[in-house]
Amino acid sequence: MGCIQSNPIHTIPKKKNNAVEEIVLTSEAKVALAEHGWDKGIVAFGFTASEATSKLGVGLPIAGIDAQWVTISFDDSNLEDIPEGFDPNFMTPGSTQKMGVKCELYHTITGGAATMPALAIEGEMYLGSDAILKKLALESKAPKAVTDLIDLSIEYNEIAFEAMKHWGWAAMHAYQNYSMVNKEHYENYGFGKKDEAWEKTVTDDIKTFMSKLEETLGAKKEINGFYVGDSLTLADASLMNWVQSLEGVTGLDVKKHYPNVYANWEKTKENPPAGSQHFIYGFPVFCGYVSQANQQLREDGFDINKYWDKNNAAEEIVLTSEAKAALAEHGWDKGIVAFGFTASEATSKLGVGLPIAGIDAQWVTISFDDSNLEDIPEGFDPNFMTPGSTQKMGVKCELYHTITGGAATMPALAIEGEMYLGSDAILKKLALESKAPKAVTDLIDLSIEYNEIAFEAMKHWGWAAMHAYQNYSMVNKEHYENYGFGKKDEAWEKTVTDDIKTFMSKLEETLGAKKEINGFYVGDSLTLADASLMNWVQSLEGVTGLDVKKHYPNVYANWEKTKENPPAGSQHFIYGFPVFCGYVSQANQQLREEGFDINKYW
């Protein structure tokens, strides 16, 4: 199980060529195929309870192909007839012969690749289950929606199998002393074998992949067990394995993070496609062995889910004695004290969220300079202070740097002398403490998931030009100088905008499912989800220039409803933030007219 590739992978592969791999057969290989009668008709080689072969097992019947099957086992056993009474769990249904993936014959006929599945078509040998499905789809002139999904599975296939080795198969195969696989394919994976940067890269790619599937299903009128239309296509075959592979092998909570994908899989299982039963019912047996081998490691924290959950907790700062003394000196070590500028995107969320949570916080205005703490003088411009605050200091000043543990970001929240950062994460903390409905916490998680990428877009298509024009007087130059016109390539821009499309489409879908758009994301009254999502229309529209009204009409209409009766704590953002957006638009006007326009990706 999990023995898909023949060569160790030293980098993280992705976006491979989508063409089927036709093996250039040696004369010896051609003779071997002919000797066993595999040079005529269509012969499939594999084990349909495994992830990769299951795709072909389902795809061939969809394509109307009645192939002869030869079971491939995970050892070096030579070709033999399957004996009467042989355990059906270890043979591909309908096959009458079997041989090991490591045996000389299989090595020969696959051109030395010795991977499964393989497909012989009139004596020509092909490898790569998804690529074979793509070949069949093109030959049958399948719709673009089908081939696009097969391409998506191809693009992320190897990165997902890297994750499965790391968080699943490696421990099981090590426990079994690599009896089923080549040791060198697995020994560099598992607990302690990869650093956090590698793990984050892999899980970020899986998030992108699964979010695209989630979005595809979310755009359908109903989830019916089919990715395209109302009947099985080769796209369903290509995507057949992913829920069981990621859930059963890596331990990822697919049901929680990708409910549409999970629900579609449940629908598929209600009426299993031809060729799928061996995988649907047989593969979980192997997953049980994987779970058992990884149980203690997962309990000790080697859990893939932490990369989905890790940013969803408020970041509590470990304060130095100097920081604690500074908080006490200014009376900020008692009660709840909020630091920020509520006309800004991030702080606006906290400005709205605290009243919803019933918290009457003391506010300290944080400006964008290095000014020291001072009382706000009488007659000070109210546009540049957080309503209700009596003191202000700059985000770059030494005191603020100290009490935020060197982060010097806003907003920050001191609760009885403990300091927390991350507006959405703080809202999540408050939501959990108040036992808010799952619909609320899920939307906050969504905002957390896409917050960083959306702010990348805002820097690139908005803030960078304005701050450069102002000679970076309000910000640290190094945070912005690598963004803006000519600073990123098209691939980067497409990745960022694809993620924003996924995020905003989920919000659009959420609102579309409501009976009426009333200014609230959940129910008929304000929740912390509304606070978490407070900024996005003005941020994306006012900073990046995205036409939110055109592309996401439900989200835009909901924002218009919100503004009709502004929530407590929102007025500074609703009426003050557009002033800054005006500066952004002015700084970017010529660039946008010349084509540096985020809307081109829509």
Foldseek 3Di string as FASTA:
>chain_A
DLQAFDDADDDQDFLDDLAWDWADADPVLLVLCVVVVNLAAKEKEEQCQDQLVVLVLQLCVQLVGDHAYEYEALAAAAKDFDDPPHPPLRGQPRYGIYGYLNHPNVCRNRVNGSGDIWMHHNSIITDDRLSVLLVSCVVVVHDPLQNVLSSLLRRLVRLLSLLLLAQFDLLLCVVVVVRRHDNVNRVCHYPPNDDPVSLLVSVVSVLLSLLVQLLQLLPDPHQQLDSDDNDHDSSCSSCVRDVCSCCLRNVAPCCVSRVSVVVSNVNCVVPPRRSNPSNVPSNSVVSVSRCVSCVVVVVVPSHSCCSLVVLLAWDWDDADPVLLVLCVVVVNLAAKEKEEQCQDQLVVLVLQLCVQLVGDHAYEYEFLAAAAKDFDDPPPDPLRGQPRYGIYGYLNHPNVCRNRVNPSDDIWMHHNSIITDGRLNVLLVSCVVVVHDPLLNVLSSLLSVLVVLLVLLLLAQFVLLLCVVVVVRRHDNVVRVQHYPPNDDPVSLLVSVSSVCSSLSVQLSQLVPDPHQQLDSDDNDHDSSCSSCVRPVCSCCLRNVAPCCVPRVSVVVSNVNCVVPPRRSNPSNVPSNSVVSVSRCVSCVVVVVVPSHSHVSD
